């Protein structure tokens, strides 16, 4: 049994923490907003009233937090993770943050005698609930090997993609591809609707050809139903597209399609849809075409 402090019990973090608890580990959860630990407690875990209470004495600390500043604060504040852990403890950051920040924090962890890997995930709420996440892992080989039994409890595809920060770089690429696919799917559905096509039939046949994808399978039904309860919020994808833009500039590469999609995501957020699922890009494409969605009519 490993004692794991799991910090961040939101849409993704809660089911992941539950899988670790059901896997036989002692999981102590902490969330900055109270009242998020019920599922973990039902799965056999425990709740801490403070970050220090969760982390003190832990063998492993897992993080699932919204953005780079959140991860930095939780790790480096005077009463944060770095100050609480014993040398040799392992930190697994499941959050999606800037690659350069991941490298800086891993270096600081090493200076303190701690081990840290970045392990951002893809698969949304469904992937977290079903332990079917794709996990792209950056860090030292021996640290990834030590973490793998835990990663295998929450993910289906676990791949070591390089040194510290590499996982975050691959996640940024993932988010670029996903946002582009969602935007094009939204355009296709608005286009089909304008030509009075049978939309469910069109989605079925598109899914059987080269246009088929996990995005089409998961997001087309949401768009057709006008049901945008968050599995992955526009607010978070907006943050991720900012990471893509910044990292591309740092590397001196161009992402012209990414820049356009980033603007569409930003426009969706500015329209008040930031709390909706990222499939709500459909609402922006519909508005641009002068076609209000059912929820706006």
C-alpha atoms as a PDB file:
ATOM      1  CA  UNK A   1       0.000   0.000   0.000  1.00  0.00           C
ATOM      2  CA  UNK A   2       1.229   3.456  -0.964  1.00  0.00           C
ATOM      3  CA  UNK A   3       0.067   6.597   0.812  1.00  0.00           C
ATOM      4  CA  UNK A   4      -1.024   9.042  -1.871  1.00  0.00           C
ATOM      5  CA  UNK A   5      -2.050  12.653  -1.368  1.00  0.00           C
ATOM      6  CA  UNK A   6      -4.353  13.634  -4.218  1.00  0.00           C
ATOM      7  CA  UNK A   7      -4.711  17.386  -4.624  1.00  0.00           C
ATOM      8  CA  UNK A   8      -7.561  18.535  -6.873  1.00  0.00           C
ATOM      9  CA  UNK A   9     -10.822  16.566  -6.742  1.00  0.00           C
ATOM     10  CA  UNK A  10     -12.667  18.093  -9.686  1.00  0.00           C
ATOM     11  CA  UNK A  11     -14.257  16.539 -12.756  1.00  0.00           C
ATOM     12  CA  UNK A  12     -11.063  14.648 -13.606  1.00  0.00           C
ATOM     13  CA  UNK A  13      -9.303  14.363 -10.264  1.00  0.00           C
ATOM     14  CA  UNK A  14     -12.140  12.811  -8.283  1.00  0.00           C
ATOM     15  CA  UNK A  15     -12.580   9.648 -10.397  1.00  0.00           C
ATOM     16  CA  UNK A  16      -8.806   9.273 -10.734  1.00  0.00           C
ATOM     17  CA  UNK A  17      -8.366   9.429  -6.956  1.00  0.00           C
ATOM     18  CA  UNK A  18     -11.165   6.878  -6.573  1.00  0.00           C
ATOM     19  CA  UNK A  19      -9.401   4.423  -8.908  1.00  0.00           C
ATOM     20  CA  UNK A  20      -6.231   4.716  -6.849  1.00  0.00           C
ATOM     21  CA  UNK A  21      -8.171   4.066  -3.642  1.00  0.00           C
ATOM     22  CA  UNK A  22      -9.935   1.064  -5.135  1.00  0.00           C
ATOM     23  CA  UNK A  23      -6.535  -0.158  -6.274  1.00  0.00           C
ATOM     24  CA  UNK A  24      -5.616  -0.731  -2.640  1.00  0.00           C
ATOM     25  CA  UNK A  25      -3.781   2.488  -1.837  1.00  0.00           C
ATOM     26  CA  UNK A  26      -4.284   4.861   1.077  1.00  0.00           C
ATOM     27  CA  UNK A  27      -5.515   7.984  -0.726  1.00  0.00           C
ATOM     28  CA  UNK A  28      -5.910  11.260   1.144  1.00  0.00           C
ATOM     29  CA  UNK A  29      -7.741  13.862  -0.898  1.00  0.00           C
ATOM     30  CA  UNK A  30      -7.663  17.631  -0.648  1.00  0.00           C
ATOM     31  CA  UNK A  31      -9.551  20.200  -2.679  1.00  0.00           C
ATOM     32  CA  UNK A  32      -9.302  23.948  -2.236  1.00  0.00           C
ATOM     33  CA  UNK A  33     -13.107  24.167  -2.585  1.00  0.00           C
ATOM     34  CA  UNK A  34     -14.625  22.021   0.185  1.00  0.00           C
ATOM     35  CA  UNK A  35     -17.231  19.344  -0.382  1.00  0.00           C
ATOM     36  CA  UNK A  36     -15.567  17.475  -3.232  1.00  0.00           C
ATOM     37  CA  UNK A  37     -14.403  14.328  -1.407  1.00  0.00           C
ATOM     38  CA  UNK A  38     -17.646  12.341  -1.077  1.00  0.00           C
ATOM     39  CA  UNK A  39     -16.882   9.993  -3.980  1.00  0.00           C
ATOM     40  CA  UNK A  40     -13.333   9.392  -2.729  1.00  0.00           C
ATOM     41  CA  UNK A  41     -14.591   8.579   0.762  1.00  0.00           C
ATOM     42  CA  UNK A  42     -17.111   6.131  -0.717  1.00  0.00           C
ATOM     43  CA  UNK A  43     -14.215   4.493  -2.600  1.00  0.00           C
ATOM     44  CA  UNK A  44     -12.295   3.973   0.645  1.00  0.00           C
ATOM     45  CA  UNK A  45     -10.186   7.121   0.671  1.00  0.00           C
ATOM     46  CA  UNK A  46      -9.951   9.920   3.198  1.00  0.00           C
ATOM     47  CA  UNK A  47     -10.317  13.694   3.146  1.00  0.00           C
ATOM     48  CA  UNK A  48      -7.831  16.172   4.614  1.00  0.00           C
ATOM     49  CA  UNK A  49      -8.872  19.601   5.853  1.00  0.00           C
ATOM     50  CA  UNK A  50      -5.686  21.250   4.608  1.00  0.00           C
ATOM     51  CA  UNK A  51      -3.001  20.786   1.986  1.00  0.00           C
ATOM     52  CA  UNK A  52      -0.405  20.160   4.685  1.00  0.00           C
ATOM     53  CA  UNK A  53      -2.688  17.583   6.292  1.00  0.00           C
ATOM     54  CA  UNK A  54      -2.988  15.693   3.015  1.00  0.00           C
ATOM     55  CA  UNK A  55       0.667  15.825   2.043  1.00  0.00           C
ATOM     56  CA  UNK A  56       2.516  15.262   5.313  1.00  0.00           C
ATOM     57  CA  UNK A  57       3.893  11.707   5.373  1.00  0.00           C
ATOM     58  CA  UNK A  58       2.758  10.867   1.840  1.00  0.00           C
ATOM     59  CA  UNK A  59       4.878   8.624  -0.381  1.00  0.00           C
ATOM     60  CA  UNK A  60       3.323  10.121  -3.523  1.00  0.00           C
ATOM     61  CA  UNK A  61       1.597  13.419  -4.223  1.00  0.00           C
ATOM     62  CA  UNK A  62      -0.694  13.560  -7.256  1.00  0.00           C
ATOM     63  CA  UNK A  63      -1.878  16.901  -8.611  1.00  0.00           C
ATOM     64  CA  UNK A  64      -4.824  17.647 -10.895  1.00  0.00           C
ATOM     65  CA  UNK A  65      -5.078  21.432 -10.959  1.00  0.00           C
ATOM     66  CA  UNK A  66      -6.334  23.982 -13.515  1.00  0.00           C
ATOM     67  CA  UNK A  67      -3.232  25.956 -14.552  1.00  0.00           C
ATOM     68  CA  UNK A  68       0.478  26.653 -14.133  1.00  0.00           C
ATOM     69  CA  UNK A  69       0.091  29.249 -11.318  1.00  0.00           C
ATOM     70  CA  UNK A  70      -2.044  26.809  -9.323  1.00  0.00           C
ATOM     71  CA  UNK A  71       0.556  24.043  -9.583  1.00  0.00           C
ATOM     72  CA  UNK A  72       3.400  26.404  -8.756  1.00  0.00           C
ATOM     73  CA  UNK A  73       1.598  27.756  -5.683  1.00  0.00           C
ATOM     74  CA  UNK A  74       0.617  24.320  -4.354  1.00  0.00           C
ATOM     75  CA  UNK A  75       4.196  23.102  -4.715  1.00  0.00           C
ATOM     76  CA  UNK A  76       6.265  26.121  -3.686  1.00  0.00           C
ATOM     77  CA  UNK A  77       4.243  28.126  -1.131  1.00  0.00           C
ATOM     78  CA  UNK A  78       5.756  28.206   2.346  1.00  0.00           C
ATOM     79  CA  UNK A  79       3.299  25.536   3.538  1.00  0.00           C
ATOM     80  CA  UNK A  80       3.160  23.748   0.185  1.00  0.00           C
ATOM     81  CA  UNK A  81       4.112  20.326  -1.075  1.00  0.00           C
ATOM     82  CA  UNK A  82       7.852  20.922  -1.347  1.00  0.00           C
ATOM     83  CA  UNK A  83       7.994  22.041   2.284  1.00  0.00           C
ATOM     84  CA  UNK A  84       6.030  19.025   3.555  1.00  0.00           C
ATOM     85  CA  UNK A  85       7.514  16.026   1.734  1.00  0.00           C
ATOM     86  CA  UNK A  86      10.374  13.849   2.860  1.00  0.00           C
ATOM     87  CA  UNK A  87      13.305  13.358   0.449  1.00  0.00           C
ATOM     88  CA  UNK A  88      12.651  10.604  -2.065  1.00  0.00           C
ATOM     89  CA  UNK A  89       8.915  11.213  -2.293  1.00  0.00           C
ATOM     90  CA  UNK A  90       7.392  11.217  -5.779  1.00  0.00           C
ATOM     91  CA  UNK A  91       5.231  13.968  -7.270  1.00  0.00           C
ATOM     92  CA  UNK A  92       2.972  13.132 -10.227  1.00  0.00           C
ATOM     93  CA  UNK A  93       1.506  16.200 -11.903  1.00  0.00           C
ATOM     94  CA  UNK A  94      -1.547  15.202 -13.926  1.00  0.00           C
ATOM     95  CA  UNK A  95      -2.367  18.873 -14.609  1.00  0.00           C
ATOM     96  CA  UNK A  96      -1.948  20.475 -18.027  1.00  0.00           C
ATOM     97  CA  UNK A  97       0.536  23.325 -17.626  1.00  0.00           C
ATOM     98  CA  UNK A  98       3.260  25.132 -19.555  1.00  0.00           C
ATOM     99  CA  UNK A  99       6.211  22.864 -20.474  1.00  0.00           C
ATOM    100  CA  UNK A 100       8.765  25.408 -19.257  1.00  0.00           C
ATOM    101  CA  UNK A 101       7.053  25.605 -15.868  1.00  0.00           C
ATOM    102  CA  UNK A 102       7.038  21.801 -15.636  1.00  0.00           C
ATOM    103  CA  UNK A 103      10.791  21.749 -16.273  1.00  0.00           C
ATOM    104  CA  UNK A 104      11.447  24.470 -13.689  1.00  0.00           C
ATOM    105  CA  UNK A 105       9.401  22.730 -11.009  1.00  0.00           C
ATOM    106  CA  UNK A 106      10.994  19.340 -11.699  1.00  0.00           C
ATOM    107  CA  UNK A 107      14.421  20.953 -11.323  1.00  0.00           C
ATOM    108  CA  UNK A 108      13.434  22.577  -8.031  1.00  0.00           C
ATOM    109  CA  UNK A 109      12.028  19.271  -6.799  1.00  0.00           C
ATOM    110  CA  UNK A 110      15.313  17.531  -7.614  1.00  0.00           C
ATOM    111  CA  UNK A 111      17.245  20.175  -5.669  1.00  0.00           C
ATOM    112  CA  UNK A 112      15.134  19.266  -2.637  1.00  0.00           C
ATOM    113  CA  UNK A 113      15.757  15.541  -3.041  1.00  0.00           C
ATOM    114  CA  UNK A 114      12.296  14.910  -4.464  1.00  0.00           C
ATOM    115  CA  UNK A 115      11.249  13.151  -7.671  1.00  0.00           C
ATOM    116  CA  UNK A 116       8.730  14.722 -10.055  1.00  0.00           C
ATOM    117  CA  UNK A 117       7.156  13.703 -13.332  1.00  0.00           C
ATOM    118  CA  UNK A 118       4.648  15.513 -15.537  1.00  0.00           C
ATOM    119  CA  UNK A 119       1.814  13.224 -16.603  1.00  0.00           C
ATOM    120  CA  UNK A 120      -0.981  15.217 -18.279  1.00  0.00           C
ATOM    121  CA  UNK A 121      -3.934  13.212 -19.485  1.00  0.00           C
ATOM    122  CA  UNK A 122      -6.351  13.109 -22.390  1.00  0.00           C
ATOM    123  CA  UNK A 123      -9.748  11.472 -22.553  1.00  0.00           C
ATOM    124  CA  UNK A 124     -12.001  13.858 -20.672  1.00  0.00           C
ATOM    125  CA  UNK A 125     -14.410  12.974 -17.907  1.00  0.00           C
ATOM    126  CA  UNK A 126     -15.395   9.688 -19.558  1.00  0.00           C
ATOM    127  CA  UNK A 127     -11.761   8.605 -19.744  1.00  0.00           C
ATOM    128  CA  UNK A 128     -11.222   9.481 -16.090  1.00  0.00           C
ATOM    129  CA  UNK A 129     -14.349   7.643 -14.950  1.00  0.00           C
ATOM    130  CA  UNK A 130     -13.498   4.537 -16.987  1.00  0.00           C
ATOM    131  CA  UNK A 131      -9.758   4.539 -16.182  1.00  0.00           C
ATOM    132  CA  UNK A 132      -9.180   4.800 -19.932  1.00  0.00           C
ATOM    133  CA  UNK A 133      -7.076   7.965 -20.074  1.00  0.00           C
ATOM    134  CA  UNK A 134      -4.157   8.486 -22.394  1.00  0.00           C
ATOM    135  CA  UNK A 135      -1.234   9.652 -20.254  1.00  0.00           C
ATOM    136  CA  UNK A 136       1.818  11.331 -21.771  1.00  0.00           C
ATOM    137  CA  UNK A 137       4.661  11.204 -19.265  1.00  0.00           C
ATOM    138  CA  UNK A 138       7.781  13.347 -18.964  1.00  0.00           C
ATOM    139  CA  UNK A 139      10.566  12.708 -16.488  1.00  0.00           C
ATOM    140  CA  UNK A 140      13.499  10.485 -15.593  1.00  0.00           C
ATOM    141  CA  UNK A 141      13.128   6.859 -16.642  1.00  0.00           C
ATOM    142  CA  UNK A 142      13.479   5.514 -13.104  1.00  0.00           C
ATOM    143  CA  UNK A 143      10.831   7.901 -11.771  1.00  0.00           C
ATOM    144  CA  UNK A 144       8.395   6.995 -14.541  1.00  0.00           C
ATOM    145  CA  UNK A 145       9.000   3.311 -13.812  1.00  0.00           C
ATOM    146  CA  UNK A 146       8.249   3.903 -10.122  1.00  0.00           C
ATOM    147  CA  UNK A 147       5.030   5.722 -11.001  1.00  0.00           C
ATOM    148  CA  UNK A 148       3.800   3.309 -13.660  1.00  0.00           C
ATOM    149  CA  UNK A 149       1.764   0.987 -11.362  1.00  0.00           C
ATOM    150  CA  UNK A 150      -0.232   4.047 -10.268  1.00  0.00           C
ATOM    151  CA  UNK A 151      -0.522   5.442 -13.783  1.00  0.00           C
ATOM    152  CA  UNK A 152      -1.846   2.086 -14.983  1.00  0.00           C
ATOM    153  CA  UNK A 153      -4.696   2.329 -12.458  1.00  0.00           C
ATOM    154  CA  UNK A 154      -6.036   5.534 -14.017  1.00  0.00           C
ATOM    155  CA  UNK A 155      -4.997   5.231 -17.669  1.00  0.00           C
ATOM    156  CA  UNK A 156      -5.242   2.822 -20.571  1.00  0.00           C
ATOM    157  CA  UNK A 157      -2.426   4.233 -22.721  1.00  0.00           C
ATOM    158  CA  UNK A 158       0.636   5.273 -20.714  1.00  0.00           C
ATOM    159  CA  UNK A 159       3.674   6.387 -22.709  1.00  0.00           C
ATOM    160  CA  UNK A 160       6.972   7.874 -21.536  1.00  0.00           C
ATOM    161  CA  UNK A 161       7.593  10.613 -24.102  1.00  0.00           C
ATOM    162  CA  UNK A 162      10.844  12.174 -22.852  1.00  0.00           C
ATOM    163  CA  UNK A 163      12.465  14.190 -20.042  1.00  0.00           C
ATOM    164  CA  UNK A 164      10.750  16.625 -17.686  1.00  0.00           C
ATOM    165  CA  UNK A 165       8.320  18.864 -19.568  1.00  0.00           C
ATOM    166  CA  UNK A 166       7.956  16.493 -22.525  1.00  0.00           C
ATOM    167  CA  UNK A 167       4.604  15.247 -21.296  1.00  0.00           C
ATOM    168  CA  UNK A 168       3.292  18.805 -21.245  1.00  0.00           C
ATOM    169  CA  UNK A 169       4.610  19.442 -24.755  1.00  0.00           C
ATOM    170  CA  UNK A 170       2.776  16.383 -26.087  1.00  0.00           C
ATOM    171  CA  UNK A 171      -0.379  17.423 -24.212  1.00  0.00           C
ATOM    172  CA  UNK A 172      -0.211  20.856 -25.857  1.00  0.00           C
ATOM    173  CA  UNK A 173      -0.050  19.123 -29.250  1.00  0.00           C
ATOM    174  CA  UNK A 174      -3.000  16.965 -28.228  1.00  0.00           C
ATOM    175  CA  UNK A 175      -5.062  20.014 -27.341  1.00  0.00           C
ATOM    176  CA  UNK A 176      -4.172  21.668 -30.647  1.00  0.00           C
ATOM    177  CA  UNK A 177      -5.426  18.634 -32.577  1.00  0.00           C
ATOM    178  CA  UNK A 178      -8.576  18.247 -30.465  1.00  0.00           C
ATOM    179  CA  UNK A 179      -9.582  21.909 -30.717  1.00  0.00           C
ATOM    180  CA  UNK A 180      -9.028  21.869 -34.487  1.00  0.00           C
ATOM    181  CA  UNK A 181     -11.133  18.742 -34.884  1.00  0.00           C
ATOM    182  CA  UNK A 182     -13.954  20.143 -32.756  1.00  0.00           C
ATOM    183  CA  UNK A 183     -13.998  23.393 -34.736  1.00  0.00           C
ATOM    184  CA  UNK A 184     -14.104  21.567 -38.078  1.00  0.00           C
ATOM    185  CA  UNK A 185     -16.800  19.199 -36.830  1.00  0.00           C
ATOM    186  CA  UNK A 186     -18.872  22.213 -35.767  1.00  0.00           C
ATOM    187  CA  UNK A 187     -18.410  23.812 -39.196  1.00  0.00           C
ATOM    188  CA  UNK A 188     -19.400  20.566 -40.908  1.00  0.00           C
ATOM    189  CA  UNK A 189     -22.624  20.240 -38.883  1.00  0.00           C
ATOM    190  CA  UNK A 190     -23.643  23.864 -39.498  1.00  0.00           C
ATOM    191  CA  UNK A 191     -22.885  23.350 -43.208  1.00  0.00           C
ATOM    192  CA  UNK A 192     -24.932  20.140 -43.338  1.00  0.00           C
ATOM    193  CA  UNK A 193     -27.832  21.729 -41.495  1.00  0.00           C
ATOM    194  CA  UNK A 194     -27.869  24.674 -43.935  1.00  0.00           C
ATOM    195  CA  UNK A 195     -28.314  22.149 -46.754  1.00  0.00           C
ATOM    196  CA  UNK A 196     -31.111  20.342 -44.857  1.00  0.00           C
ATOM    197  CA  UNK A 197     -29.204  17.078 -44.547  1.00  0.00           C
ATOM    198  CA  UNK A 198     -30.306  14.347 -42.149  1.00  0.00           C
ATOM    199  CA  UNK A 199     -27.753  15.174 -39.457  1.00  0.00           C
ATOM    200  CA  UNK A 200     -27.726  11.877 -37.488  1.00  0.00           C
ATOM    201  CA  UNK A 201     -27.419   9.935 -40.743  1.00  0.00           C
ATOM    202  CA  UNK A 202     -24.640  12.221 -41.931  1.00  0.00           C
ATOM    203  CA  UNK A 203     -22.731  11.767 -38.679  1.00  0.00           C
ATOM    204  CA  UNK A 204     -23.113   7.997 -38.957  1.00  0.00           C
ATOM    205  CA  UNK A 205     -21.673   7.785 -42.450  1.00  0.00           C
ATOM    206  CA  UNK A 206     -18.905  10.300 -41.728  1.00  0.00           C
ATOM    207  CA  UNK A 207     -17.894   8.230 -38.720  1.00  0.00           C
ATOM    208  CA  UNK A 208     -17.405   5.188 -40.930  1.00  0.00           C
ATOM    209  CA  UNK A 209     -14.923   6.887 -43.234  1.00  0.00           C
ATOM    210  CA  UNK A 210     -11.690   8.814 -43.003  1.00  0.00           C
ATOM    211  CA  UNK A 211     -13.475  11.668 -41.244  1.00  0.00           C
ATOM    212  CA  UNK A 212     -14.254   9.358 -38.338  1.00  0.00           C
ATOM    213  CA  UNK A 213     -12.577  10.168 -35.036  1.00  0.00           C
ATOM    214  CA  UNK A 214     -12.989  10.030 -31.280  1.00  0.00           C
ATOM    215  CA  UNK A 215     -13.935  13.716 -31.462  1.00  0.00           C
ATOM    216  CA  UNK A 216     -16.737  12.987 -33.927  1.00  0.00           C
ATOM    217  CA  UNK A 217     -17.986  10.033 -31.857  1.00  0.00           C
ATOM    218  CA  UNK A 218     -17.992  11.925 -28.562  1.00  0.00           C
ATOM    219  CA  UNK A 219     -18.790  15.509 -29.543  1.00  0.00           C
ATOM    220  CA  UNK A 220     -21.222  15.262 -32.470  1.00  0.00           C
ATOM    221  CA  UNK A 221     -24.003  13.884 -30.219  1.00  0.00           C
ATOM    222  CA  UNK A 222     -23.527  16.834 -27.843  1.00  0.00           C
ATOM    223  CA  UNK A 223     -23.732  19.307 -30.696  1.00  0.00           C
ATOM    224  CA  UNK A 224     -26.810  17.664 -32.213  1.00  0.00           C
ATOM    225  CA  UNK A 225     -28.561  17.583 -28.840  1.00  0.00           C
ATOM    226  CA  UNK A 226     -27.516  21.117 -27.878  1.00  0.00           C
ATOM    227  CA  UNK A 227     -26.286  19.612 -24.610  1.00  0.00           C
ATOM    228  CA  UNK A 228     -23.002  21.115 -23.466  1.00  0.00           C
ATOM    229  CA  UNK A 229     -22.576  20.042 -19.839  1.00  0.00           C
ATOM    230  CA  UNK A 230     -18.824  20.192 -19.228  1.00  0.00           C
ATOM    231  CA  UNK A 231     -16.635  17.163 -19.663  1.00  0.00           C
ATOM    232  CA  UNK A 232     -13.778  19.534 -20.507  1.00  0.00           C
ATOM    233  CA  UNK A 233     -14.560  23.226 -20.170  1.00  0.00           C
ATOM    234  CA  UNK A 234     -13.956  25.911 -22.788  1.00  0.00           C
ATOM    235  CA  UNK A 235     -12.138  27.890 -20.061  1.00  0.00           C
ATOM    236  CA  UNK A 236      -9.529  25.136 -19.758  1.00  0.00           C
ATOM    237  CA  UNK A 237      -9.148  24.692 -23.504  1.00  0.00           C
ATOM    238  CA  UNK A 238      -8.643  28.449 -23.790  1.00  0.00           C
ATOM    239  CA  UNK A 239      -5.802  28.112 -21.293  1.00  0.00           C
ATOM    240  CA  UNK A 240      -4.350  25.196 -23.233  1.00  0.00           C
ATOM    241  CA  UNK A 241      -4.425  27.066 -26.539  1.00  0.00           C
ATOM    242  CA  UNK A 242      -2.475  29.823 -24.807  1.00  0.00           C
ATOM    243  CA  UNK A 243       0.113  27.202 -23.855  1.00  0.00           C
ATOM    244  CA  UNK A 244       0.302  26.050 -27.491  1.00  0.00           C
ATOM    245  CA  UNK A 245       0.759  29.617 -28.735  1.00  0.00           C
ATOM    246  CA  UNK A 246       3.457  30.415 -26.183  1.00  0.00           C
ATOM    247  CA  UNK A 247       5.371  27.163 -26.671  1.00  0.00           C
ATOM    248  CA  UNK A 248       5.236  27.491 -30.462  1.00  0.00           C
ATOM    249  CA  UNK A 249       6.650  31.002 -30.267  1.00  0.00           C
ATOM    250  CA  UNK A 250       9.395  29.785 -27.918  1.00  0.00           C
ATOM    251  CA  UNK A 251      10.342  27.044 -30.388  1.00  0.00           C
ATOM    252  CA  UNK A 252      10.159  29.362 -33.409  1.00  0.00           C
ATOM    253  CA  UNK A 253       7.498  27.332 -35.226  1.00  0.00           C
ATOM    254  CA  UNK A 254       4.263  28.505 -36.816  1.00  0.00           C
ATOM    255  CA  UNK A 255       0.793  27.187 -36.013  1.00  0.00           C
ATOM    256  CA  UNK A 256      -1.505  29.177 -38.318  1.00  0.00           C
ATOM    257  CA  UNK A 257      -4.457  26.829 -37.934  1.00  0.00           C
ATOM    258  CA  UNK A 258      -3.847  26.753 -34.208  1.00  0.00           C
ATOM    259  CA  UNK A 259      -3.917  30.547 -34.056  1.00  0.00           C
ATOM    260  CA  UNK A 260      -7.317  30.605 -35.756  1.00  0.00           C
ATOM    261  CA  UNK A 261      -8.744  27.913 -33.491  1.00  0.00           C
ATOM    262  CA  UNK A 262      -7.351  29.737 -30.441  1.00  0.00           C
ATOM    263  CA  UNK A 263      -9.325  32.809 -31.497  1.00  0.00           C
ATOM    264  CA  UNK A 264     -12.509  30.752 -31.917  1.00  0.00           C
ATOM    265  CA  UNK A 265     -12.049  29.277 -28.451  1.00  0.00           C
ATOM    266  CA  UNK A 266     -11.421  32.761 -27.054  1.00  0.00           C
ATOM    267  CA  UNK A 267     -14.553  34.066 -28.783  1.00  0.00           C
ATOM    268  CA  UNK A 268     -16.604  31.225 -27.319  1.00  0.00           C
ATOM    269  CA  UNK A 269     -15.344  32.103 -23.864  1.00  0.00           C
ATOM    270  CA  UNK A 270     -15.983  35.823 -24.411  1.00  0.00           C
ATOM    271  CA  UNK A 271     -19.569  35.022 -25.378  1.00  0.00           C
ATOM    272  CA  UNK A 272     -20.140  33.604 -21.897  1.00  0.00           C
ATOM    273  CA  UNK A 273     -19.689  29.924 -22.751  1.00  0.00           C
ATOM    274  CA  UNK A 274     -16.463  29.361 -20.804  1.00  0.00           C
ATOM    275  CA  UNK A 275     -18.108  26.989 -18.349  1.00  0.00           C
ATOM    276  CA  UNK A 276     -19.531  24.771 -21.088  1.00  0.00           C
ATOM    277  CA  UNK A 277     -17.945  21.723 -22.703  1.00  0.00           C
ATOM    278  CA  UNK A 278     -15.468  22.499 -25.476  1.00  0.00           C
ATOM    279  CA  UNK A 279     -17.999  21.095 -27.943  1.00  0.00           C
ATOM    280  CA  UNK A 280     -19.749  24.451 -27.392  1.00  0.00           C
ATOM    281  CA  UNK A 281     -17.457  25.752 -30.140  1.00  0.00           C
ATOM    282  CA  UNK A 282     -20.472  24.701 -32.202  1.00  0.00           C
ATOM    283  CA  UNK A 283     -22.426  27.597 -30.711  1.00  0.00           C
ATOM    284  CA  UNK A 284     -19.827  30.092 -31.900  1.00  0.00           C
ATOM    285  CA  UNK A 285     -19.718  28.656 -35.423  1.00  0.00           C
ATOM    286  CA  UNK A 286     -23.522  28.742 -35.531  1.00  0.00           C
ATOM    287  CA  UNK A 287     -23.588  32.361 -34.376  1.00  0.00           C
ATOM    288  CA  UNK A 288     -21.006  33.349 -36.980  1.00  0.00           C
ATOM    289  CA  UNK A 289     -23.283  31.766 -39.595  1.00  0.00           C
ATOM    290  CA  UNK A 290     -26.345  33.605 -38.303  1.00  0.00           C
ATOM    291  CA  UNK A 291     -27.868  30.415 -36.972  1.00  0.00           C
ATOM    292  CA  UNK A 292     -28.745  30.474 -33.274  1.00  0.00           C
ATOM    293  CA  UNK A 293     -28.553  27.112 -31.497  1.00  0.00           C
ATOM    294  CA  UNK A 294     -31.659  25.670 -29.831  1.00  0.00           C
ATOM    295  CA  UNK A 295     -30.457  26.916 -26.434  1.00  0.00           C
ATOM    296  CA  UNK A 296     -30.198  30.467 -27.780  1.00  0.00           C
ATOM    297  CA  UNK A 297     -33.406  30.705 -29.775  1.00  0.00           C
END
